[in-house]
Protein backbone atom coordinates (compact mmCIF):
# COMPACT_ATOMS: atom_id res chain seq x y z
CA MET A 1 164.10 -112.30 -92.79
CA ASP A 2 166.43 -109.51 -94.20
CA PHE A 3 167.31 -110.37 -97.41
CA LEU A 4 169.09 -107.19 -97.98
CA ARG A 5 171.70 -107.77 -95.21
CA PRO A 6 174.00 -110.31 -97.53
CA ALA A 7 173.18 -108.19 -100.42
CA LYS A 8 176.82 -107.25 -100.64
CA PHE A 9 178.14 -110.63 -100.66
CA PHE A 10 175.71 -111.90 -103.27
CA PHE A 11 176.42 -108.71 -105.43
CA THR A 12 179.82 -109.96 -105.25
CA LEU A 13 179.81 -113.58 -105.68
CA SER A 14 177.13 -112.76 -108.90
CA ALA A 15 179.84 -110.43 -110.27
CA ILE A 16 182.59 -112.55 -109.99
CA LEU A 17 180.53 -115.10 -111.50
CA THR A 18 179.49 -113.18 -114.62
CA LEU A 19 182.87 -111.61 -115.23
CA ILE A 20 184.75 -115.19 -115.29
CA SER A 21 181.73 -116.18 -117.89
CA ILE A 22 182.17 -113.16 -119.88
CA VAL A 23 185.96 -113.88 -120.19
CA LEU A 24 185.28 -117.43 -120.75
CA PHE A 25 182.79 -116.85 -123.66
CA PHE A 26 185.64 -115.01 -125.56
CA ALA A 27 188.54 -117.02 -124.34
CA PRO A 28 188.69 -119.87 -124.96
CA GLY A 29 184.85 -119.78 -126.29
CA PRO A 30 182.18 -122.51 -126.20
CA VAL A 31 182.46 -125.09 -128.72
CA LEU A 32 180.03 -124.50 -131.49
CA SER A 33 178.53 -127.20 -133.20
CA ILE A 34 177.89 -127.13 -137.24
CA GLU A 35 174.58 -125.40 -136.82
CA PHE A 36 176.60 -122.03 -136.22
CA THR A 37 180.18 -122.87 -137.92
CA GLY A 38 179.28 -125.03 -141.01
CA GLY A 39 180.64 -128.43 -141.56
CA THR A 40 179.94 -131.93 -141.09
CA ARG A 41 179.27 -134.03 -137.75
CA MET A 42 179.46 -137.62 -137.86
CA GLU A 43 178.29 -139.91 -134.79
CA ILE A 44 179.80 -143.30 -134.69
CA VAL A 45 180.25 -146.39 -132.43
CA VAL A 46 183.20 -148.36 -132.63
CA ALA A 47 182.85 -151.97 -131.84
CA ASP A 48 186.51 -152.69 -130.53
CA ALA A 49 186.68 -151.61 -126.97
CA SER A 50 190.14 -150.95 -127.18
CA LYS A 51 189.56 -147.92 -129.70
CA THR A 52 190.23 -144.65 -127.87
CA ARG A 53 189.47 -140.83 -128.98
CA SER A 54 193.17 -140.62 -129.89
CA ASP A 55 192.78 -143.60 -132.21
CA VAL A 56 189.57 -142.32 -133.76
CA GLN A 57 190.95 -138.91 -134.64
CA SER A 58 194.05 -140.59 -136.21
CA ALA A 59 191.95 -142.57 -138.56
CA PHE A 60 190.14 -139.65 -139.68
CA ALA A 61 193.01 -137.71 -139.95
CA GLY A 62 194.73 -140.42 -142.02
CA PHE A 63 192.23 -140.20 -144.75
CA LYS A 64 194.68 -137.92 -146.53
CA ASP A 65 192.33 -137.38 -149.41
CA LEU A 66 190.09 -135.06 -147.42
CA GLU A 67 192.39 -133.43 -145.17
CA LEU A 68 189.98 -133.16 -142.48
CA SER A 69 191.74 -132.34 -139.49
CA PRO A 70 188.55 -133.46 -137.36
CA THR A 71 187.54 -132.83 -133.94
CA VAL A 72 186.57 -135.70 -131.68
CA ASN A 73 184.80 -135.76 -128.92
CA SER A 74 183.81 -138.88 -126.57
CA GLY A 75 180.50 -139.83 -124.91
CA GLU A 76 179.48 -142.82 -123.97
CA PRO A 77 182.19 -145.71 -124.29
CA GLN A 78 182.79 -146.49 -128.10
CA HIS A 79 180.61 -143.58 -128.97
CA PHE A 80 182.36 -140.69 -130.90
CA LEU A 81 181.11 -137.53 -132.10
CA VAL A 82 183.47 -136.21 -134.71
CA ARG A 83 183.25 -132.71 -136.35
CA MET A 84 185.41 -131.55 -139.51
CA ARG A 85 184.93 -129.08 -142.57
CA GLY A 86 182.11 -129.79 -145.13
CA ILE A 87 182.09 -132.91 -147.26
CA ASP A 88 179.99 -134.23 -149.99
CA ASN A 89 177.73 -137.46 -150.13
CA ASP A 90 180.74 -138.98 -152.31
CA GLN A 91 183.36 -138.26 -149.99
CA HIS A 92 180.95 -139.57 -147.02
CA LEU A 93 180.69 -142.84 -148.48
CA ALA A 94 184.54 -143.11 -149.03
CA LEU A 95 185.26 -142.15 -145.86
CA LEU A 96 182.68 -144.99 -144.16
CA ALA A 97 184.49 -147.43 -146.61
CA TYR A 98 187.97 -146.60 -145.46
CA LEU A 99 187.58 -146.16 -141.43
CA PRO A 100 186.52 -150.26 -140.92
CA SER A 101 190.08 -150.62 -142.31
CA VAL A 102 191.89 -148.85 -139.36
CA LEU A 103 188.94 -148.84 -136.66
CA GLY A 104 187.32 -152.47 -137.12
CA GLU A 105 183.71 -152.60 -137.16
CA VAL A 106 182.07 -148.95 -137.68
CA GLU A 107 178.50 -148.03 -137.11
CA GLU A 108 177.27 -144.74 -137.92
CA LEU A 109 174.34 -143.34 -136.02
CA GLN A 110 174.34 -139.86 -137.83
CA TYR A 111 175.52 -137.48 -140.33
CA THR A 112 174.92 -134.29 -140.93
CA THR A 113 176.36 -131.26 -143.21
CA ILE A 114 175.36 -127.54 -142.75
CA GLY A 115 176.90 -125.18 -145.15
CA PRO A 116 178.90 -122.08 -143.95
CA THR A 117 176.33 -119.34 -144.90
CA VAL A 118 173.51 -121.15 -143.17
CA GLY A 119 175.75 -121.57 -140.10
CA ALA A 120 176.19 -117.84 -140.24
CA SER A 121 172.57 -117.06 -140.60
CA LEU A 122 171.74 -119.24 -137.33
CA LYS A 123 174.31 -117.55 -135.25
CA VAL A 124 173.02 -113.79 -136.33
CA ARG A 125 169.40 -114.97 -135.80
CA ALA A 126 170.46 -116.63 -132.02
CA ILE A 127 171.66 -113.03 -131.23
CA TYR A 128 168.68 -111.27 -132.22
CA ALA A 129 166.24 -113.56 -130.80
CA LEU A 130 168.07 -112.90 -127.40
CA ILE A 131 168.40 -109.00 -127.79
CA VAL A 132 164.62 -108.81 -129.18
CA ALA A 133 163.47 -110.97 -126.29
CA SER A 134 165.43 -108.96 -123.68
CA LEU A 135 163.95 -105.45 -124.85
CA GLY A 136 160.72 -106.69 -125.00
CA ILE A 137 160.68 -107.59 -121.34
CA ILE A 138 162.01 -104.15 -120.49
CA PHE A 139 159.11 -102.20 -122.62
CA TYR A 140 156.50 -105.00 -121.34
CA ILE A 141 157.32 -104.81 -117.66
CA ALA A 142 157.53 -100.49 -117.88
CA PHE A 143 154.34 -100.59 -119.35
CA VAL A 144 152.65 -102.87 -116.81
CA PHE A 145 154.41 -101.24 -113.68
CA ARG A 146 153.27 -97.79 -115.29
CA LYS A 147 150.58 -96.99 -112.41
CA ILE A 148 152.87 -97.10 -109.53
CA PRO A 149 153.89 -93.76 -107.49
CA ARG A 150 155.38 -91.02 -109.85
CA ARG A 151 158.58 -91.05 -107.59
CA TYR A 152 159.69 -94.51 -108.64
CA SER A 153 160.39 -95.27 -112.47
CA PRO A 154 158.92 -97.92 -114.05
CA TRP A 155 161.70 -98.35 -116.71
CA LYS A 156 164.10 -99.35 -113.43
CA PHE A 157 161.80 -102.53 -113.03
CA GLY A 158 162.20 -103.61 -116.64
CA VAL A 159 165.82 -102.69 -116.72
CA VAL A 160 166.73 -104.58 -113.50
CA ALA A 161 164.56 -107.55 -114.48
CA VAL A 162 166.66 -107.64 -117.41
CA ALA A 163 170.02 -107.39 -116.20
CA THR A 164 169.14 -110.19 -113.88
CA LEU A 165 168.27 -112.25 -116.82
CA LEU A 166 171.45 -111.35 -118.47
CA HIS A 167 173.07 -112.45 -115.33
CA ASP A 168 171.20 -115.65 -115.41
CA ILE A 169 172.18 -116.40 -118.94
CA MET A 170 175.81 -115.46 -118.87
CA ILE A 171 176.52 -117.62 -115.87
CA THR A 172 174.79 -120.47 -117.75
CA VAL A 173 176.77 -119.97 -120.88
CA GLY A 174 179.91 -119.94 -118.56
CA VAL A 175 179.10 -122.87 -117.09
CA PHE A 176 178.28 -124.66 -120.45
CA THR A 177 181.48 -123.04 -122.25
CA ILE A 178 183.57 -125.05 -119.59
CA LEU A 179 181.40 -128.33 -120.39
CA SER A 180 182.06 -127.94 -124.14
CA HIS A 181 185.83 -128.54 -123.50
CA TYR A 182 185.64 -131.28 -121.30
CA THR A 183 182.31 -133.38 -122.70
CA GLY A 184 180.82 -134.04 -125.77
CA PHE A 185 178.50 -130.88 -125.59
CA GLU A 186 178.20 -128.33 -128.01
CA VAL A 187 176.49 -125.00 -128.37
CA ASP A 188 173.92 -125.76 -130.71
CA THR A 189 170.27 -124.31 -131.55
CA LEU A 190 168.63 -126.65 -128.83
CA PHE A 191 170.88 -124.51 -126.59
CA VAL A 192 169.62 -121.36 -127.43
CA THR A 193 166.12 -122.45 -127.22
CA ALA A 194 167.22 -123.36 -123.37
CA LEU A 195 168.46 -120.12 -123.03
CA LEU A 196 165.17 -118.59 -124.43
CA THR A 197 163.26 -120.76 -122.23
CA ILE A 198 165.43 -119.56 -119.02
CA LEU A 199 164.66 -115.90 -119.88
CA GLY A 200 160.89 -116.74 -119.90
CA TYR A 201 161.17 -118.85 -116.54
CA SER A 202 163.54 -116.69 -114.84
CA VAL A 203 161.74 -113.32 -115.34
CA ASN A 204 158.33 -114.87 -113.76
CA ASP A 205 160.10 -115.44 -110.66
CA THR A 206 161.27 -111.56 -110.49
CA ILE A 207 158.16 -110.49 -111.87
CA ILE A 208 156.28 -112.06 -109.04
CA VAL A 209 158.53 -110.33 -106.42
CA PHE A 210 158.24 -106.96 -108.32
CA ASP A 211 154.71 -107.33 -108.47
CA ARG A 212 154.62 -108.01 -104.74
CA ILE A 213 156.72 -104.57 -104.49
CA ARG A 214 154.03 -102.84 -106.62
CA ASP A 215 151.12 -103.75 -104.33
CA ASN A 216 152.97 -102.81 -101.35
CA LEU A 217 153.80 -99.60 -102.89
CA MET A 218 150.14 -98.73 -103.69
CA ASP A 219 148.91 -100.04 -100.43
CA ASP A 220 151.70 -98.05 -98.32
CA MET A 221 149.56 -96.59 -95.30
CA HIS A 222 152.69 -95.90 -93.02
CA ARG A 223 155.09 -94.47 -95.22
CA GLU A 224 157.60 -97.68 -94.92
CA THR A 225 160.92 -97.11 -96.75
CA PHE A 226 161.60 -98.35 -100.54
CA ALA A 227 163.89 -100.96 -99.17
CA SER A 228 161.59 -102.09 -96.03
CA LEU A 229 158.64 -102.41 -98.51
CA SER A 230 161.07 -104.34 -101.09
CA ASN A 231 162.06 -106.80 -98.38
CA THR A 232 158.65 -107.44 -97.24
CA ALA A 233 157.61 -108.57 -100.67
CA VAL A 234 160.46 -110.87 -101.05
CA ASN A 235 159.25 -112.41 -97.72
CA GLN A 236 155.91 -112.68 -98.87
CA THR A 237 156.75 -114.34 -102.29
CA TRP A 238 160.05 -116.42 -101.67
CA LYS A 239 158.42 -119.58 -100.80
CA ARG A 240 156.47 -119.59 -103.63
CA SER A 241 158.76 -119.26 -106.09
CA PHE A 242 160.80 -121.84 -104.25
CA TYR A 243 158.19 -124.02 -104.28
CA THR A 244 157.16 -123.64 -107.78
CA SER A 245 161.11 -124.09 -109.01
CA PHE A 246 161.66 -126.98 -106.62
CA SER A 247 158.82 -128.84 -108.46
CA THR A 248 159.56 -127.94 -111.67
CA LEU A 249 163.25 -128.88 -110.82
CA ILE A 250 162.25 -132.46 -109.81
CA MET A 251 160.55 -133.06 -113.32
CA LEU A 252 163.62 -131.99 -114.95
CA PHE A 253 166.06 -134.34 -112.93
CA ALA A 254 163.78 -137.00 -113.95
CA LEU A 255 164.02 -136.11 -117.66
CA PHE A 256 167.69 -135.98 -117.19
CA PHE A 257 168.29 -139.17 -115.65
CA LEU A 258 165.58 -141.18 -117.45
CA GLY A 259 164.79 -139.52 -120.79
CA SER A 260 166.23 -139.58 -124.05
CA SER A 261 169.97 -138.97 -124.14
CA ALA A 262 168.96 -136.93 -127.04
CA ILE A 263 167.54 -133.86 -124.92
CA GLN A 264 170.00 -134.42 -121.59
CA TRP A 265 172.03 -131.31 -122.45
CA PHE A 266 168.69 -129.23 -123.06
CA VAL A 267 167.70 -130.26 -119.86
CA LEU A 268 170.88 -129.92 -118.03
CA THR A 269 170.75 -126.27 -119.31
CA LEU A 270 167.32 -125.67 -117.81
CA ILE A 271 168.09 -127.09 -114.50
CA VAL A 272 171.16 -124.55 -114.35
CA GLY A 273 169.23 -121.78 -115.49
CA ILE A 274 166.01 -122.19 -113.62
CA SER A 275 168.25 -122.45 -110.34
CA LEU A 276 170.26 -119.63 -110.89
CA GLY A 277 167.06 -117.48 -111.80
CA THR A 278 165.59 -118.36 -108.40
CA TYR A 279 168.41 -117.22 -106.76
CA SER A 280 168.63 -114.33 -108.71
CA SER A 281 164.88 -113.00 -108.14
CA ILE A 282 165.71 -113.23 -104.65
CA PHE A 283 169.08 -112.43 -103.86
CA VAL A 284 170.16 -109.98 -106.85
CA ALA A 285 166.68 -108.33 -108.34
CA MET A 286 165.17 -106.88 -105.27
CA PRO A 287 168.79 -105.51 -103.55
CA LEU A 288 169.77 -104.33 -107.09
CA LEU A 289 166.43 -102.50 -107.84
CA VAL A 290 166.67 -101.37 -104.04
CA MET A 291 170.30 -99.72 -104.60
CA TRP A 292 169.04 -98.35 -108.04
CA SER A 293 166.18 -96.40 -106.48
CA GLY A 294 168.16 -95.08 -103.73
CA LYS A 295 164.73 -94.79 -101.65
CA LYS A 296 166.10 -95.94 -97.98
CA ASP A 297 164.59 -92.83 -96.48
């Protein structure tokens, strides 16, 4: 099978999706949890089935002593996630006493308050974690591939691997940026953890392909072109990557549908990222390496 033939189509598709994701990241941007913005988050259940999201928002906004300006997301029926500026314990108790007067019976499931300094620190650390992980992957791959024939640069293998990973991460972020505006999803530290997990899993698929390319380069007795050797490597490894990813996705889908709701967004992030990683290791990483290396003869 010639995996280089459709490369132009997949490059165009990936470039469009990545560009859209980058634009979405800045405008309108993902909805960040209070772990990054600071503030208070309350998850409540309203017993009255007739109460809607707008009713809950009006009830919180009507608590004029605090000027809450809340953001309300609705998950399951009668379950509401409310985000607002930070409040102290006395204000929290006063709010709980006030809500039943306008919403009826209310049960609080979760209450969290994080200061803005802590939120800003977590945001910076999350960015640093992604940068350090990417640089570590580049140096590691360059070191491992240092013995390939001198006419090929081991650094290109590392840079292409990270470029492919960033492709996977950006499209995943784009998907969840959209979801954050239409569902109860918020970007939190668990989402960042999922992105780092995707980095590790996705680079595994890419390294499998690149390692086979390296072996083919070392064993090349017939002076095949780099493009031909690379395409052969993908033919030798794509089934292994697909089977491994498919078996992992079976487990993840089971967790998504049968597991706790607390980890559903984390699991869905892994599903999207691992699917993209399998696709990109075959249809993006190898063709990009061939194009950059320019070894077609």
